Amino acid sequence: LVLYGTILNFSSALMYSSYINLKVVLSYMVSGV
């Protein structure tokens, strides 16, 4: 839940978002829960 989920959700934010900030990263983290 914590390690694998965090790494993959963060990678999704990097790959699919046109820009990165804390709000974008958190949105991907929450949607991946």
PDB file of all heavy atoms in Angstrom:
ATOM      1  N   LEU A   1       0.822  -1.213   0.000  1.00  0.00           N
ATOM      2  CA  LEU A   1       0.000   0.000   0.000  1.00  0.00           C
ATOM      3  C   LEU A   1       0.852   1.258   0.000  1.00  0.00           C
ATOM      4  O   LEU A   1       0.618   2.190  -0.795  1.00  0.00           O
ATOM      5  CB  LEU A   1      -0.928  -0.008   1.214  1.00  0.00           C
ATOM      6  CG  LEU A   1      -1.878   1.183   1.367  1.00  0.00           C
ATOM      7  CD1 LEU A   1      -2.892   1.221   0.226  1.00  0.00           C
ATOM      8  CD2 LEU A   1      -2.591   1.119   2.718  1.00  0.00           C
ATOM      9  N   VAL A   2       1.857   1.291   0.864  1.00  0.00           N
ATOM     10  CA  VAL A   2       2.631   2.519   1.059  1.00  0.00           C
ATOM     11  C   VAL A   2       3.743   2.659   0.023  1.00  0.00           C
ATOM     12  O   VAL A   2       3.827   3.677  -0.676  1.00  0.00           O
ATOM     13  CB  VAL A   2       3.220   2.562   2.488  1.00  0.00           C
ATOM     14  CG1 VAL A   2       4.084   3.809   2.657  1.00  0.00           C
ATOM     15  CG2 VAL A   2       2.100   2.553   3.520  1.00  0.00           C
ATOM     16  N   LEU A   3       4.607   1.639  -0.087  1.00  0.00           N
ATOM     17  CA  LEU A   3       5.783   1.773  -0.953  1.00  0.00           C
ATOM     18  C   LEU A   3       5.433   1.621  -2.430  1.00  0.00           C
ATOM     19  O   LEU A   3       5.671   2.532  -3.237  1.00  0.00           O
ATOM     20  CB  LEU A   3       6.844   0.746  -0.551  1.00  0.00           C
ATOM     21  CG  LEU A   3       8.147   0.791  -1.359  1.00  0.00           C
ATOM     22  CD1 LEU A   3       8.826   2.134  -1.196  1.00  0.00           C
ATOM     23  CD2 LEU A   3       9.086  -0.334  -0.930  1.00  0.00           C
ATOM     24  N   TYR A   4       4.867   0.465  -2.792  1.00  0.00           N
ATOM     25  CA  TYR A   4       4.532   0.238  -4.198  1.00  0.00           C
ATOM     26  C   TYR A   4       3.518   1.264  -4.691  1.00  0.00           C
ATOM     27  O   TYR A   4       3.680   1.845  -5.766  1.00  0.00           O
ATOM     28  CB  TYR A   4       3.989  -1.179  -4.385  1.00  0.00           C
ATOM     29  CG  TYR A   4       3.776  -1.555  -5.833  1.00  0.00           C
ATOM     30  CD1 TYR A   4       4.785  -2.193  -6.550  1.00  0.00           C
ATOM     31  CD2 TYR A   4       2.579  -1.277  -6.487  1.00  0.00           C
ATOM     32  CE1 TYR A   4       4.608  -2.540  -7.889  1.00  0.00           C
ATOM     33  CE2 TYR A   4       2.392  -1.618  -7.812  1.00  0.00           C
ATOM     34  CZ  TYR A   4       3.409  -2.246  -8.504  1.00  0.00           C
ATOM     35  OH  TYR A   4       3.217  -2.575  -9.822  1.00  0.00           O
ATOM     36  N   GLY A   5       2.489   1.512  -3.897  1.00  0.00           N
ATOM     37  CA  GLY A   5       1.461   2.461  -4.305  1.00  0.00           C
ATOM     38  C   GLY A   5       2.013   3.860  -4.501  1.00  0.00           C
ATOM     39  O   GLY A   5       1.697   4.535  -5.489  1.00  0.00           O
ATOM     40  N   THR A   6       2.861   4.301  -3.577  1.00  0.00           N
ATOM     41  CA  THR A   6       3.422   5.652  -3.676  1.00  0.00           C
ATOM     42  C   THR A   6       4.292   5.800  -4.919  1.00  0.00           C
ATOM     43  O   THR A   6       4.185   6.794  -5.657  1.00  0.00           O
ATOM     44  CB  THR A   6       4.252   5.975  -2.418  1.00  0.00           C
ATOM     45  OG1 THR A   6       3.402   5.933  -1.271  1.00  0.00           O
ATOM     46  CG2 THR A   6       4.886   7.347  -2.535  1.00  0.00           C
ATOM     47  N   ILE A   7       5.161   4.824  -5.164  1.00  0.00           N
ATOM     48  CA  ILE A   7       6.067   4.907  -6.321  1.00  0.00           C
ATOM     49  C   ILE A   7       5.290   4.916  -7.625  1.00  0.00           C
ATOM     50  O   ILE A   7       5.547   5.729  -8.525  1.00  0.00           O
ATOM     51  CB  ILE A   7       7.074   3.745  -6.292  1.00  0.00           C
ATOM     52  CG1 ILE A   7       8.045   3.912  -5.117  1.00  0.00           C
ATOM     53  CG2 ILE A   7       7.861   3.675  -7.618  1.00  0.00           C
ATOM     54  CD1 ILE A   7       9.006   2.752  -4.930  1.00  0.00           C
ATOM     55  N   LEU A   8       4.299   4.031  -7.755  1.00  0.00           N
ATOM     56  CA  LEU A   8       3.560   3.948  -9.016  1.00  0.00           C
ATOM     57  C   LEU A   8       2.632   5.142  -9.211  1.00  0.00           C
ATOM     58  O   LEU A   8       2.479   5.639 -10.336  1.00  0.00           O
ATOM     59  CB  LEU A   8       2.776   2.637  -9.084  1.00  0.00           C
ATOM     60  CG  LEU A   8       3.508   1.455  -9.750  1.00  0.00           C
ATOM     61  CD1 LEU A   8       3.752   1.747 -11.233  1.00  0.00           C
ATOM     62  CD2 LEU A   8       4.844   1.164  -9.071  1.00  0.00           C
ATOM     63  N   ASN A   9       2.012   5.614  -8.145  1.00  0.00           N
ATOM     64  CA  ASN A   9       1.158   6.794  -8.280  1.00  0.00           C
ATOM     65  C   ASN A   9       1.973   8.035  -8.624  1.00  0.00           C
ATOM     66  O   ASN A   9       1.550   8.865  -9.437  1.00  0.00           O
ATOM     67  CB  ASN A   9       0.378   7.029  -6.983  1.00  0.00           C
ATOM     68  CG  ASN A   9      -0.675   5.961  -6.743  1.00  0.00           C
ATOM     69  OD1 ASN A   9      -1.198   5.376  -7.681  1.00  0.00           O
ATOM     70  ND2 ASN A   9      -0.977   5.689  -5.493  1.00  0.00           N
ATOM     71  N   PHE A  10       3.156   8.154  -8.012  1.00  0.00           N
ATOM     72  CA  PHE A  10       4.038   9.273  -8.334  1.00  0.00           C
ATOM     73  C   PHE A  10       4.506   9.187  -9.778  1.00  0.00           C
ATOM     74  O   PHE A  10       4.583  10.202 -10.483  1.00  0.00           O
ATOM     75  CB  PHE A  10       5.230   9.292  -7.388  1.00  0.00           C
ATOM     76  CG  PHE A  10       6.186  10.421  -7.630  1.00  0.00           C
ATOM     77  CD1 PHE A  10       5.832  11.728  -7.335  1.00  0.00           C
ATOM     78  CD2 PHE A  10       7.437  10.181  -8.167  1.00  0.00           C
ATOM     79  CE1 PHE A  10       6.705  12.780  -7.567  1.00  0.00           C
ATOM     80  CE2 PHE A  10       8.327  11.221  -8.408  1.00  0.00           C
ATOM     81  CZ  PHE A  10       7.951  12.526  -8.105  1.00  0.00           C
ATOM     82  N   SER A  11       4.800   7.971 -10.243  1.00  0.00           N
ATOM     83  CA  SER A  11       5.226   7.810 -11.644  1.00  0.00           C
ATOM     84  C   SER A  11       4.099   8.201 -12.596  1.00  0.00           C
ATOM     85  O   SER A  11       4.359   8.765 -13.669  1.00  0.00           O
ATOM     86  CB  SER A  11       5.662   6.366 -11.894  1.00  0.00           C
ATOM     87  OG  SER A  11       4.553   5.477 -11.915  1.00  0.00           O
ATOM     88  N   SER A  12       2.861   7.899 -12.227  1.00  0.00           N
ATOM     89  CA  SER A  12       1.725   8.288 -13.071  1.00  0.00           C
ATOM     90  C   SER A  12       1.633   9.806 -13.188  1.00  0.00           C
ATOM     91  O   SER A  12       1.350  10.346 -14.262  1.00  0.00           O
ATOM     92  CB  SER A  12       0.424   7.725 -12.496  1.00  0.00           C
ATOM     93  OG  SER A  12       0.436   6.319 -12.493  1.00  0.00           O
ATOM     94  N   ALA A  13       1.881  10.489 -12.075  1.00  0.00           N
ATOM     95  CA  ALA A  13       1.866  11.956 -12.116  1.00  0.00           C
ATOM     96  C   ALA A  13       2.953  12.490 -13.032  1.00  0.00           C
ATOM     97  O   ALA A  13       2.737  13.443 -13.793  1.00  0.00           O
ATOM     98  CB  ALA A  13       2.036  12.512 -10.700  1.00  0.00           C
ATOM     99  N   LEU A  14       4.125  11.872 -12.993  1.00  0.00           N
ATOM    100  CA  LEU A  14       5.227  12.304 -13.848  1.00  0.00           C
ATOM    101  C   LEU A  14       4.930  12.057 -15.321  1.00  0.00           C
ATOM    102  O   LEU A  14       5.251  12.883 -16.184  1.00  0.00           O
ATOM    103  CB  LEU A  14       6.520  11.573 -13.463  1.00  0.00           C
ATOM    104  CG  LEU A  14       7.167  11.932 -12.122  1.00  0.00           C
ATOM    105  CD1 LEU A  14       8.369  11.049 -11.877  1.00  0.00           C
ATOM    106  CD2 LEU A  14       7.573  13.396 -12.098  1.00  0.00           C
ATOM    107  N   MET A  15       4.309  10.907 -15.607  1.00  0.00           N
ATOM    108  CA  MET A  15       4.124  10.506 -17.005  1.00  0.00           C
ATOM    109  C   MET A  15       2.919  11.163 -17.664  1.00  0.00           C
ATOM    110  O   MET A  15       2.944  11.442 -18.863  1.00  0.00           O
ATOM    111  CB  MET A  15       3.982   8.976 -17.077  1.00  0.00           C
ATOM    112  CG  MET A  15       5.275   8.213 -16.818  1.00  0.00           C
ATOM    113  SD  MET A  15       5.085   6.426 -16.998  1.00  0.00           S
ATOM    114  CE  MET A  15       4.114   6.020 -15.540  1.00  0.00           C
ATOM    115  N   TYR A  16       1.867  11.400 -16.908  1.00  0.00           N
ATOM    116  CA  TYR A  16       0.602  11.792 -17.530  1.00  0.00           C
ATOM    117  C   TYR A  16       0.183  13.240 -17.254  1.00  0.00           C
ATOM    118  O   TYR A  16      -0.815  13.704 -17.797  1.00  0.00           O
ATOM    119  CB  TYR A  16      -0.506  10.856 -17.081  1.00  0.00           C
ATOM    120  CG  TYR A  16      -0.220   9.409 -17.409  1.00  0.00           C
ATOM    121  CD1 TYR A  16      -0.189   8.435 -16.409  1.00  0.00           C
ATOM    122  CD2 TYR A  16       0.047   9.017 -18.719  1.00  0.00           C
ATOM    123  CE1 TYR A  16       0.087   7.108 -16.704  1.00  0.00           C
ATOM    124  CE2 TYR A  16       0.323   7.693 -19.018  1.00  0.00           C
ATOM    125  CZ  TYR A  16       0.345   6.750 -18.013  1.00  0.00           C
ATOM    126  OH  TYR A  16       0.626   5.442 -18.321  1.00  0.00           O
ATOM    127  N   SER A  17       0.918  13.942 -16.403  1.00  0.00           N
ATOM    128  CA  SER A  17       0.575  15.334 -16.128  1.00  0.00           C
ATOM    129  C   SER A  17       1.542  16.261 -16.864  1.00  0.00           C
ATOM    130  O   SER A  17       2.749  15.993 -16.917  1.00  0.00           O
ATOM    131  CB  SER A  17       0.632  15.605 -14.623  1.00  0.00           C
ATOM    132  OG  SER A  17       0.300  16.941 -14.341  1.00  0.00           O
ATOM    133  N   SER A  18       1.021  17.335 -17.414  1.00  0.00           N
ATOM    134  CA  SER A  18       1.854  18.272 -18.175  1.00  0.00           C
ATOM    135  C   SER A  18       2.742  19.104 -17.259  1.00  0.00           C
ATOM    136  O   SER A  18       3.755  19.643 -17.699  1.00  0.00           O
ATOM    137  CB  SER A  18       0.968  19.198 -19.019  1.00  0.00           C
ATOM    138  OG  SER A  18       0.028  19.878 -18.188  1.00  0.00           O
ATOM    139  N   TYR A  19       2.388  19.224 -15.992  1.00  0.00           N
ATOM    140  CA  TYR A  19       3.229  19.927 -15.026  1.00  0.00           C
ATOM    141  C   TYR A  19       3.056  19.269 -13.668  1.00  0.00           C
ATOM    142  O   TYR A  19       2.058  18.596 -13.414  1.00  0.00           O
ATOM    143  CB  TYR A  19       2.879  21.416 -14.950  1.00  0.00           C
ATOM    144  CG  TYR A  19       1.474  21.690 -14.490  1.00  0.00           C
ATOM    145  CD1 TYR A  19       1.193  21.966 -13.145  1.00  0.00           C
ATOM    146  CD2 TYR A  19       0.408  21.683 -15.386  1.00  0.00           C
ATOM    147  CE1 TYR A  19      -0.101  22.208 -12.723  1.00  0.00           C
ATOM    148  CE2 TYR A  19      -0.887  21.919 -14.968  1.00  0.00           C
ATOM    149  CZ  TYR A  19      -1.131  22.189 -13.633  1.00  0.00           C
ATOM    150  OH  TYR A  19      -2.413  22.417 -13.223  1.00  0.00           O
ATOM    151  N   ILE A  20       4.068  19.428 -12.814  1.00  0.00           N
ATOM    152  CA  ILE A  20       4.084  18.752 -11.524  1.00  0.00           C
ATOM    153  C   ILE A  20       4.129  19.771 -10.386  1.00  0.00           C
ATOM    154  O   ILE A  20       4.950  20.688 -10.395  1.00  0.00           O
ATOM    155  CB  ILE A  20       5.316  17.822 -11.406  1.00  0.00           C
ATOM    156  CG1 ILE A  20       5.223  16.688 -12.420  1.00  0.00           C
ATOM    157  CG2 ILE A  20       5.427  17.242 -10.002  1.00  0.00           C
ATOM    158  CD1 ILE A  20       4.077  15.740 -12.198  1.00  0.00           C
ATOM    159  N   ASN A  21       3.213  19.624  -9.462  1.00  0.00           N
ATOM    160  CA  ASN A  21       3.274  20.346  -8.195  1.00  0.00           C
ATOM    161  C   ASN A  21       2.644  19.454  -7.126  1.00  0.00           C
ATOM    162  O   ASN A  21       2.180  18.345  -7.422  1.00  0.00           O
ATOM    163  CB  ASN A  21       2.587  21.713  -8.281  1.00  0.00           C
ATOM    164  CG  ASN A  21       1.124  21.603  -8.694  1.00  0.00           C
ATOM    165  OD1 ASN A  21       0.422  20.647  -8.328  1.00  0.00           O
ATOM    166  ND2 ASN A  21       0.655  22.571  -9.481  1.00  0.00           N
ATOM    167  N   LEU A  22       2.651  19.919  -5.899  1.00  0.00           N
ATOM    168  CA  LEU A  22       2.158  19.099  -4.791  1.00  0.00           C
ATOM    169  C   LEU A  22       0.696  18.716  -4.969  1.00  0.00           C
ATOM    170  O   LEU A  22       0.302  17.579  -4.687  1.00  0.00           O
ATOM    171  CB  LEU A  22       2.349  19.855  -3.472  1.00  0.00           C
ATOM    172  CG  LEU A  22       1.925  19.104  -2.206  1.00  0.00           C
ATOM    173  CD1 LEU A  22       2.714  17.812  -2.053  1.00  0.00           C
ATOM    174  CD2 LEU A  22       2.110  20.001  -0.978  1.00  0.00           C
ATOM    175  N   LYS A  23      -0.107  19.640  -5.465  1.00  0.00           N
ATOM    176  CA  LYS A  23      -1.531  19.370  -5.647  1.00  0.00           C
ATOM    177  C   LYS A  23      -1.761  18.266  -6.669  1.00  0.00           C
ATOM    178  O   LYS A  23      -2.607  17.380  -6.469  1.00  0.00           O
ATOM    179  CB  LYS A  23      -2.239  20.651  -6.091  1.00  0.00           C
ATOM    180  CG  LYS A  23      -3.746  20.510  -6.202  1.00  0.00           C
ATOM    181  CD  LYS A  23      -4.396  21.842  -6.578  1.00  0.00           C
ATOM    182  CE  LYS A  23      -5.906  21.693  -6.693  1.00  0.00           C
ATOM    183  NZ  LYS A  23      -6.547  22.989  -7.050  1.00  0.00           N
ATOM    184  N   VAL A  24      -1.004  18.304  -7.773  1.00  0.00           N
ATOM    185  CA  VAL A  24      -1.140  17.277  -8.810  1.00  0.00           C
ATOM    186  C   VAL A  24      -0.731  15.914  -8.266  1.00  0.00           C
ATOM    187  O   VAL A  24      -1.417  14.904  -8.461  1.00  0.00           O
ATOM    188  CB  VAL A  24      -0.289  17.646 -10.041  1.00  0.00           C
ATOM    189  CG1 VAL A  24      -0.243  16.481 -11.033  1.00  0.00           C
ATOM    190  CG2 VAL A  24      -0.844  18.891 -10.720  1.00  0.00           C
ATOM    191  N   VAL A  25       0.412  15.884  -7.578  1.00  0.00           N
ATOM    192  CA  VAL A  25       0.900  14.610  -7.024  1.00  0.00           C
ATOM    193  C   VAL A  25      -0.099  14.034  -6.032  1.00  0.00           C
ATOM    194  O   VAL A  25      -0.410  12.834  -6.057  1.00  0.00           O
ATOM    195  CB  VAL A  25       2.277  14.812  -6.354  1.00  0.00           C
ATOM    196  CG1 VAL A  25       2.701  13.540  -5.621  1.00  0.00           C
ATOM    197  CG2 VAL A  25       3.328  15.196  -7.388  1.00  0.00           C
ATOM    198  N   LEU A  26      -0.635  14.873  -5.152  1.00  0.00           N
ATOM    199  CA  LEU A  26      -1.606  14.403  -4.164  1.00  0.00           C
ATOM    200  C   LEU A  26      -2.878  13.876  -4.827  1.00  0.00           C
ATOM    201  O   LEU A  26      -3.465  12.897  -4.361  1.00  0.00           O
ATOM    202  CB  LEU A  26      -1.949  15.523  -3.181  1.00  0.00           C
ATOM    203  CG  LEU A  26      -0.869  15.893  -2.166  1.00  0.00           C
ATOM    204  CD1 LEU A  26      -1.312  17.069  -1.315  1.00  0.00           C
ATOM    205  CD2 LEU A  26      -0.535  14.699  -1.281  1.00  0.00           C
ATOM    206  N   SER A  27      -3.291  14.517  -5.911  1.00  0.00           N
ATOM    207  CA  SER A  27      -4.502  14.056  -6.602  1.00  0.00           C
ATOM    208  C   SER A  27      -4.299  12.655  -7.173  1.00  0.00           C
ATOM    209  O   SER A  27      -5.206  11.815  -7.123  1.00  0.00           O
ATOM    210  CB  SER A  27      -4.877  15.035  -7.714  1.00  0.00           C
ATOM    211  OG  SER A  27      -3.909  15.040  -8.745  1.00  0.00           O
ATOM    212  N   TYR A  28      -3.100  12.392  -7.714  1.00  0.00           N
ATOM    213  CA  TYR A  28      -2.804  11.047  -8.222  1.00  0.00           C
ATOM    214  C   TYR A  28      -2.711  10.043  -7.079  1.00  0.00           C
ATOM    215  O   TYR A  28      -3.148   8.889  -7.216  1.00  0.00           O
ATOM    216  CB  TYR A  28      -1.503  11.061  -9.025  1.00  0.00           C
ATOM    217  CG  TYR A  28      -1.690  11.462 -10.466  1.00  0.00           C
ATOM    218  CD1 TYR A  28      -1.614  12.794 -10.854  1.00  0.00           C
ATOM    219  CD2 TYR A  28      -1.938  10.501 -11.450  1.00  0.00           C
ATOM    220  CE1 TYR A  28      -1.784  13.166 -12.181  1.00  0.00           C
ATOM    221  CE2 TYR A  28      -2.104  10.857 -12.781  1.00  0.00           C
ATOM    222  CZ  TYR A  28      -2.027  12.191 -13.140  1.00  0.00           C
ATOM    223  OH  TYR A  28      -2.214  12.550 -14.454  1.00  0.00           O
ATOM    224  N   MET A  29      -2.134  10.456  -5.953  1.00  0.00           N
ATOM    225  CA  MET A  29      -2.026   9.564  -4.799  1.00  0.00           C
ATOM    226  C   MET A  29      -3.410   9.163  -4.295  1.00  0.00           C
ATOM    227  O   MET A  29      -3.679   7.980  -4.034  1.00  0.00           O
ATOM    228  CB  MET A  29      -1.241  10.257  -3.674  1.00  0.00           C
ATOM    229  CG  MET A  29       0.210  10.538  -3.979  1.00  0.00           C
ATOM    230  SD  MET A  29       1.211   9.037  -4.067  1.00  0.00           S
ATOM    231  CE  MET A  29       2.823   9.765  -4.396  1.00  0.00           C
ATOM    232  N   VAL A  30      -4.289  10.142  -4.167  1.00  0.00           N
ATOM    233  CA  VAL A  30      -5.634   9.870  -3.645  1.00  0.00           C
ATOM    234  C   VAL A  30      -6.426   9.012  -4.627  1.00  0.00           C
ATOM    235  O   VAL A  30      -7.109   8.059  -4.227  1.00  0.00           O
ATOM    236  CB  VAL A  30      -6.367  11.200  -3.366  1.00  0.00           C
ATOM    237  CG1 VAL A  30      -7.830  10.933  -3.015  1.00  0.00           C
ATOM    238  CG2 VAL A  30      -5.681  11.952  -2.233  1.00  0.00           C
ATOM    239  N   SER A  31      -6.357   9.322  -5.911  1.00  0.00           N
ATOM    240  CA  SER A  31      -7.113   8.555  -6.905  1.00  0.00           C
ATOM    241  C   SER A  31      -6.619   7.118  -7.013  1.00  0.00           C
ATOM    242  O   SER A  31      -7.366   6.227  -7.434  1.00  0.00           O
ATOM    243  CB  SER A  31      -7.030   9.240  -8.270  1.00  0.00           C
ATOM    244  OG  SER A  31      -5.688   9.277  -8.731  1.00  0.00           O
ATOM    245  N   GLY A  32      -5.362   6.879  -6.619  1.00  0.00           N
ATOM    246  CA  GLY A  32      -4.827   5.524  -6.707  1.00  0.00           C
ATOM    247  C   GLY A  32      -5.093   4.658  -5.500  1.00  0.00           C
ATOM    248  O   GLY A  32      -4.838   3.444  -5.534  1.00  0.00           O
ATOM    249  N   VAL A  33      -5.623   5.240  -4.427  1.00  0.00           N
ATOM    250  CA  VAL A  33      -5.826   4.495  -3.176  1.00  0.00           C
ATOM    251  C   VAL A  33      -6.723   3.264  -3.356  1.00  0.00           C
ATOM    252  O   VAL A  33      -6.391   2.180  -2.849  1.00  0.00           O
ATOM    253  CB  VAL A  33      -6.380   5.422  -2.073  1.00  0.00           C
ATOM    254  CG1 VAL A  33      -6.895   4.616  -0.877  1.00  0.00           C
ATOM    255  CG2 VAL A  33      -5.299   6.390  -1.619  1.00  0.00           C
TER     256      VAL A  33
END
